[in-house]
C-alpha atoms as a PDB file:
ATOM      1  CA  MET A   1     -51.762  66.085 -31.382  1.00  0.00           C
ATOM      2  CA  ALA A   2     -50.898  63.233 -29.051  1.00  0.00           C
ATOM      3  CA  THR A   3     -48.482  61.784 -31.576  1.00  0.00           C
ATOM      4  CA  ASN A   4     -46.800  65.151 -31.982  1.00  0.00           C
ATOM      5  CA  THR A   5     -46.243  65.421 -28.215  1.00  0.00           C
ATOM      6  CA  LEU A   6     -44.746  61.957 -28.041  1.00  0.00           C
ATOM      7  CA  SER A   7     -42.277  62.712 -30.819  1.00  0.00           C
ATOM      8  CA  THR A   8     -41.080  65.872 -29.090  1.00  0.00           C
ATOM      9  CA  ILE A   9     -40.617  63.949 -25.837  1.00  0.00           C
ATOM     10  CA  SER A  10     -38.602  61.282 -27.580  1.00  0.00           C
ATOM     11  CA  LEU A  11     -36.538  63.944 -29.339  1.00  0.00           C
ATOM     12  CA  ALA A  12     -35.924  65.679 -26.058  1.00  0.00           C
ATOM     13  CA  LEU A  13     -34.685  62.443 -24.539  1.00  0.00           C
ATOM     14  CA  ARG A  14     -32.302  61.817 -27.435  1.00  0.00           C
ATOM     15  CA  SER A  15     -31.026  65.340 -27.837  1.00  0.00           C
ATOM     16  CA  PRO A  16     -27.427  66.216 -26.940  1.00  0.00           C
ATOM     17  CA  SER A  17     -28.613  68.785 -24.447  1.00  0.00           C
ATOM     18  CA  HIS A  18     -30.128  65.942 -22.426  1.00  0.00           C
ATOM     19  CA  PRO A  19     -27.520  63.219 -22.043  1.00  0.00           C
ATOM     20  CA  SER A  20     -28.791  59.671 -22.291  1.00  0.00           C
ATOM     21  CA  PRO A  21     -28.308  57.357 -19.360  1.00  0.00           C
ATOM     22  CA  ALA A  22     -24.930  55.637 -19.177  1.00  0.00           C
ATOM     23  CA  PRO A  23     -24.858  52.233 -20.825  1.00  0.00           C
ATOM     24  CA  LYS A  24     -24.813  49.258 -18.500  1.00  0.00           C
ATOM     25  CA  PRO A  25     -21.303  47.899 -18.061  1.00  0.00           C
ATOM     26  CA  ASN A  26     -20.545  44.567 -19.608  1.00  0.00           C
ATOM     27  CA  PHE A  27     -19.453  42.100 -16.986  1.00  0.00           C
ATOM     28  CA  LEU A  28     -16.667  39.686 -17.654  1.00  0.00           C
ATOM     29  CA  HIS A  29     -17.884  36.155 -18.037  1.00  0.00           C
ATOM     30  CA  PHE A  30     -15.343  33.550 -17.038  1.00  0.00           C
ATOM     31  CA  PRO A  31     -15.843  29.983 -18.115  1.00  0.00           C
ATOM     32  CA  THR A  32     -16.874  27.779 -15.245  1.00  0.00           C
ATOM     33  CA  VAL A  33     -14.784  24.738 -14.615  1.00  0.00           C
ATOM     34  CA  LYS A  34     -16.625  21.773 -13.248  1.00  0.00           C
ATOM     35  CA  PRO A  35     -14.590  20.019 -10.562  1.00  0.00           C
ATOM     36  CA  THR A  36     -13.614  16.500 -11.408  1.00  0.00           C
ATOM     37  CA  TYR A  37     -13.397  13.905  -8.721  1.00  0.00           C
ATOM     38  CA  ARG A  38     -11.079  11.140  -9.698  1.00  0.00           C
ATOM     39  CA  ARG A  39      -9.128   8.754  -7.606  1.00  0.00           C
ATOM     40  CA  LEU A  40      -5.456   8.747  -8.165  1.00  0.00           C
ATOM     41  CA  THR A  41      -4.818   5.311  -9.550  1.00  0.00           C
ATOM     42  CA  HIS A  42      -1.485   5.930 -11.173  1.00  0.00           C
ATOM     43  CA  PHE A  43       0.379   6.287  -7.869  1.00  0.00           C
ATOM     44  CA  ARG A  44       1.084   3.063  -6.080  1.00  0.00           C
ATOM     45  CA  PRO A  45       0.734   3.324  -2.317  1.00  0.00           C
ATOM     46  CA  ILE A  46       3.775   2.672  -0.233  1.00  0.00           C
ATOM     47  CA  SER A  47       3.210  -0.613   1.498  1.00  0.00           C
ATOM     48  CA  ALA A  48       5.208  -2.610   4.006  1.00  0.00           C
ATOM     49  CA  VAL A  49       3.673  -5.816   2.633  1.00  0.00           C
ATOM     50  CA  SER A  50       4.313  -6.891  -0.921  1.00  0.00           C
ATOM     51  CA  ALA A  51       1.433  -8.712  -2.570  1.00  0.00           C
ATOM     52  CA  PRO A  52       0.902 -10.310  -5.943  1.00  0.00           C
ATOM     53  CA  GLU A  53      -0.796  -8.218  -8.601  1.00  0.00           C
ATOM     54  CA  LYS A  54      -3.973 -10.329  -8.391  1.00  0.00           C
ATOM     55  CA  ILE A  55      -4.302  -9.562  -4.679  1.00  0.00           C
ATOM     56  CA  GLU A  56      -3.645  -5.857  -5.245  1.00  0.00           C
ATOM     57  CA  GLU A  57      -6.393  -5.720  -7.906  1.00  0.00           C
ATOM     58  CA  LEU A  58      -8.796  -7.509  -5.586  1.00  0.00           C
ATOM     59  CA  GLY A  59      -7.909  -5.120  -2.755  1.00  0.00           C
ATOM     60  CA  ALA A  60      -8.481  -2.127  -5.025  1.00  0.00           C
ATOM     61  CA  GLN A  61     -11.914  -3.450  -5.985  1.00  0.00           C
ATOM     62  CA  ILE A  62     -12.823  -4.106  -2.349  1.00  0.00           C
ATOM     63  CA  SER A  63     -11.748  -0.599  -1.333  1.00  0.00           C
ATOM     64  CA  LEU A  64     -14.275   0.827  -3.807  1.00  0.00           C
ATOM     65  CA  LEU A  65     -17.208  -0.978  -2.145  1.00  0.00           C
ATOM     66  CA  THR A  66     -19.769   0.870  -0.083  1.00  0.00           C
ATOM     67  CA  LEU A  67     -20.224  -0.133   3.558  1.00  0.00           C
ATOM     68  CA  GLU A  68     -23.388  -2.032   2.746  1.00  0.00           C
ATOM     69  CA  GLU A  69     -21.692  -3.932  -0.081  1.00  0.00           C
ATOM     70  CA  ALA A  70     -18.732  -4.721   2.199  1.00  0.00           C
ATOM     71  CA  LYS A  71     -21.085  -6.138   4.847  1.00  0.00           C
ATOM     72  CA  ILE A  72     -22.769  -8.321   2.228  1.00  0.00           C
ATOM     73  CA  LEU A  73     -19.333  -9.482   1.051  1.00  0.00           C
ATOM     74  CA  VAL A  74     -18.304 -10.397   4.610  1.00  0.00           C
ATOM     75  CA  ASP A  75     -21.546 -12.327   5.158  1.00  0.00           C
ATOM     76  CA  TYR A  76     -21.094 -14.127   1.836  1.00  0.00           C
ATOM     77  CA  LEU A  77     -17.512 -15.107   2.625  1.00  0.00           C
ATOM     78  CA  GLN A  78     -18.464 -16.310   6.088  1.00  0.00           C
ATOM     79  CA  ASP A  79     -21.157 -18.548   4.600  1.00  0.00           C
ATOM     80  CA  LYS A  80     -18.987 -19.695   1.688  1.00  0.00           C
ATOM     81  CA  LEU A  81     -15.909 -20.506   3.760  1.00  0.00           C
ATOM     82  CA  GLY A  82     -17.725 -21.588   6.928  1.00  0.00           C
ATOM     83  CA  VAL A  83     -15.858 -19.178   9.207  1.00  0.00           C
ATOM     84  CA  SER A  84     -16.792 -16.193  11.316  1.00  0.00           C
ATOM     85  CA  ALA A  85     -14.924 -13.405  13.044  1.00  0.00           C
ATOM     86  CA  ALA A  86     -16.188 -14.696  16.393  1.00  0.00           C
ATOM     87  CA  SER A  87     -14.422 -18.019  15.843  1.00  0.00           C
ATOM     88  CA  TYR A  88     -11.061 -16.233  15.997  1.00  0.00           C
ATOM     89  CA  ALA A  89     -11.815 -14.387  19.260  1.00  0.00           C
ATOM     90  CA  PRO A  90     -11.185 -17.371  21.621  1.00  0.00           C
ATOM     91  CA  VAL A  91      -7.795 -17.903  19.977  1.00  0.00           C
ATOM     92  CA  ALA A  92      -6.813 -14.316  20.739  1.00  0.00           C
ATOM     93  CA  VAL A  93      -8.057 -14.613  24.329  1.00  0.00           C
ATOM     94  CA  ALA A  94      -6.255 -17.922  24.807  1.00  0.00           C
ATOM     95  CA  GLY A  95      -3.071 -16.399  23.411  1.00  0.00           C
ATOM     96  CA  ALA A  96      -3.346 -13.530  25.863  1.00  0.00           C
ATOM     97  CA  ALA A  97      -3.931 -15.973  28.723  1.00  0.00           C
ATOM     98  CA  VAL A  98      -0.799 -17.928  27.813  1.00  0.00           C
ATOM     99  CA  ALA A  99       1.224 -14.726  27.638  1.00  0.00           C
ATOM    100  CA  GLY A 100      -0.219 -13.617  30.982  1.00  0.00           C
ATOM    101  CA  ALA A 101       0.687 -16.947  32.632  1.00  0.00           C
ATOM    102  CA  ASP A 102       4.329 -16.365  31.839  1.00  0.00           C
ATOM    103  CA  ALA A 103       4.270 -12.932  33.471  1.00  0.00           C
ATOM    104  CA  GLY A 104       3.477 -14.291  36.915  1.00  0.00           C
ATOM    105  CA  PRO A 105       0.351 -14.012  39.080  1.00  0.00           C
ATOM    106  CA  ALA A 106      -2.378 -11.872  37.571  1.00  0.00           C
ATOM    107  CA  VAL A 107      -3.157  -8.629  39.347  1.00  0.00           C
ATOM    108  CA  VAL A 108      -6.880  -8.195  39.920  1.00  0.00           C
ATOM    109  CA  GLU A 109      -7.859  -4.621  39.242  1.00  0.00           C
ATOM    110  CA  GLU A 110     -10.371  -3.132  41.615  1.00  0.00           C
ATOM    111  CA  LYS A 111     -13.426  -1.655  39.964  1.00  0.00           C
ATOM    112  CA  THR A 112     -13.570   2.122  40.370  1.00  0.00           C
ATOM    113  CA  GLU A 113     -16.742   3.023  38.474  1.00  0.00           C
ATOM    114  CA  PHE A 114     -20.159   1.660  39.344  1.00  0.00           C
ATOM    115  CA  ASP A 115     -23.676   1.830  37.947  1.00  0.00           C
ATOM    116  CA  VAL A 116     -26.725   2.219  40.177  1.00  0.00           C
ATOM    117  CA  VAL A 117     -29.698   0.250  38.802  1.00  0.00           C
ATOM    118  CA  ILE A 118     -33.261   0.668  40.021  1.00  0.00           C
ATOM    119  CA  GLU A 119     -34.711  -2.828  39.806  1.00  0.00           C
ATOM    120  CA  ASP A 120     -38.157  -2.423  41.310  1.00  0.00           C
ATOM    121  CA  VAL A 121     -40.359   0.214  42.897  1.00  0.00           C
ATOM    122  CA  PRO A 122     -43.462  -0.908  44.777  1.00  0.00           C
ATOM    123  CA  SER A 123     -46.572   1.066  43.901  1.00  0.00           C
ATOM    124  CA  SER A 124     -46.990   2.148  47.526  1.00  0.00           C
ATOM    125  CA  SER A 125     -43.649   3.961  47.559  1.00  0.00           C
ATOM    126  CA  ARG A 126     -43.563   5.495  44.058  1.00  0.00           C
ATOM    127  CA  ILE A 127     -43.991   9.088  45.251  1.00  0.00           C
ATOM    128  CA  SER A 128     -41.199   8.876  47.828  1.00  0.00           C
ATOM    129  CA  VAL A 129     -38.860   7.236  45.270  1.00  0.00           C
ATOM    130  CA  ILE A 130     -39.629  10.006  42.742  1.00  0.00           C
ATOM    131  CA  LYS A 131     -38.751  12.575  45.429  1.00  0.00           C
ATOM    132  CA  ALA A 132     -35.495  10.739  46.202  1.00  0.00           C
ATOM    133  CA  VAL A 133     -34.614  10.552  42.493  1.00  0.00           C
ATOM    134  CA  ARG A 134     -35.215  14.286  42.110  1.00  0.00           C
ATOM    135  CA  ALA A 135     -33.111  15.001  45.211  1.00  0.00           C
ATOM    136  CA  LEU A 136     -30.189  12.940  43.856  1.00  0.00           C
ATOM    137  CA  THR A 137     -30.363  14.299  40.297  1.00  0.00           C
ATOM    138  CA  SER A 138     -31.423  17.443  38.506  1.00  0.00           C
ATOM    139  CA  LEU A 139     -34.369  15.720  36.808  1.00  0.00           C
ATOM    140  CA  ALA A 140     -37.769  17.374  36.571  1.00  0.00           C
ATOM    141  CA  LEU A 141     -40.871  15.639  37.894  1.00  0.00           C
ATOM    142  CA  LYS A 142     -41.867  14.172  34.529  1.00  0.00           C
ATOM    143  CA  GLU A 143     -38.378  12.764  33.823  1.00  0.00           C
ATOM    144  CA  ALA A 144     -38.106  11.303  37.336  1.00  0.00           C
ATOM    145  CA  LYS A 145     -41.497   9.640  36.922  1.00  0.00           C
ATOM    146  CA  GLU A 146     -40.469   8.203  33.522  1.00  0.00           C
ATOM    147  CA  LEU A 147     -37.246   6.899  35.068  1.00  0.00           C
ATOM    148  CA  ILE A 148     -39.032   4.695  37.595  1.00  0.00           C
ATOM    149  CA  GLU A 149     -41.415   3.284  34.972  1.00  0.00           C
ATOM    150  CA  GLY A 150     -40.348   0.314  32.861  1.00  0.00           C
ATOM    151  CA  LEU A 151     -37.781  -1.027  35.303  1.00  0.00           C
ATOM    152  CA  PRO A 152     -35.002  -2.109  35.631  1.00  0.00           C
ATOM    153  CA  LYS A 153     -33.150   1.035  34.520  1.00  0.00           C
ATOM    154  CA  LYS A 154     -29.751   2.509  35.193  1.00  0.00           C
ATOM    155  CA  PHE A 155     -30.123   5.426  37.558  1.00  0.00           C
ATOM    156  CA  LYS A 156     -26.503   6.590  37.645  1.00  0.00           C
ATOM    157  CA  GLU A 157     -23.599   5.402  35.505  1.00  0.00           C
ATOM    158  CA  GLY A 158     -19.856   5.498  36.111  1.00  0.00           C
ATOM    159  CA  VAL A 159     -19.966   6.885  39.643  1.00  0.00           C
ATOM    160  CA  SER A 160     -17.616   6.232  42.543  1.00  0.00           C
ATOM    161  CA  LYS A 161     -18.316   3.509  45.071  1.00  0.00           C
ATOM    162  CA  ASP A 162     -19.153   6.023  47.819  1.00  0.00           C
ATOM    163  CA  GLU A 163     -21.599   7.905  45.593  1.00  0.00           C
ATOM    164  CA  ALA A 164     -23.215   4.645  44.470  1.00  0.00           C
ATOM    165  CA  GLU A 165     -23.603   3.457  48.080  1.00  0.00           C
ATOM    166  CA  GLU A 166     -25.112   6.803  49.125  1.00  0.00           C
ATOM    167  CA  ALA A 167     -27.624   6.738  46.241  1.00  0.00           C
ATOM    168  CA  LYS A 168     -28.517   3.126  47.059  1.00  0.00           C
ATOM    169  CA  LYS A 169     -29.055   3.992  50.721  1.00  0.00           C
ATOM    170  CA  GLN A 170     -31.365   6.944  49.954  1.00  0.00           C
ATOM    171  CA  LEU A 171     -33.396   5.089  47.320  1.00  0.00           C
ATOM    172  CA  GLU A 172     -33.798   1.993  49.518  1.00  0.00           C
ATOM    173  CA  GLU A 173     -34.994   4.212  52.390  1.00  0.00           C
ATOM    174  CA  ALA A 174     -37.601   5.573  49.943  1.00  0.00           C
ATOM    175  CA  GLY A 175     -38.701   1.993  49.192  1.00  0.00           C
ATOM    176  CA  ALA A 176     -36.929   1.058  45.924  1.00  0.00           C
ATOM    177  CA  LYS A 177     -35.027  -2.141  45.259  1.00  0.00           C
ATOM    178  CA  ILE A 178     -31.522  -1.157  44.085  1.00  0.00           C
ATOM    179  CA  ALA A 179     -28.505  -2.988  42.673  1.00  0.00           C
ATOM    180  CA  ILE A 180     -24.976  -1.680  42.213  1.00  0.00           C
ATOM    181  CA  VAL A 181     -23.281  -3.083  39.140  1.00  0.00           C
END
């Protein structure tokens, strides 16, 4: 009897009086194109300097190096040729000095930005220096305490002369040894 009931249920589901569920739509499947990453090697770059083909090939190979490989190449060439980039720096400075001598007397620029450096804090005045540091900055207690440990440290950087003098005055009154750089 159970088999008879199942057959009537399946007939009822397939009968025209009971429409079957709509078929699932077929989705369009487009072929995926994998992107290709290739350097354009057939276009020659416009260059103000003409170089022999051998040099251009060497330059193309060097431009494909990673940064680490380029550093190793520079170190190798410095050892092989016995030169360094630092050896050319005095020549550039000397050239600038000669050019500056022709221009007349050099104008000394006055420094406008200063750094306040805490050089030393005696153990007897640590608390008062921490209070002064917190008053001059927006540091919390922990950060102010860490600032005066492991000295010397820059307290303020790139400040005006007046601000640097004021900070020096307050920190020295608290007991710290300060330098303005």
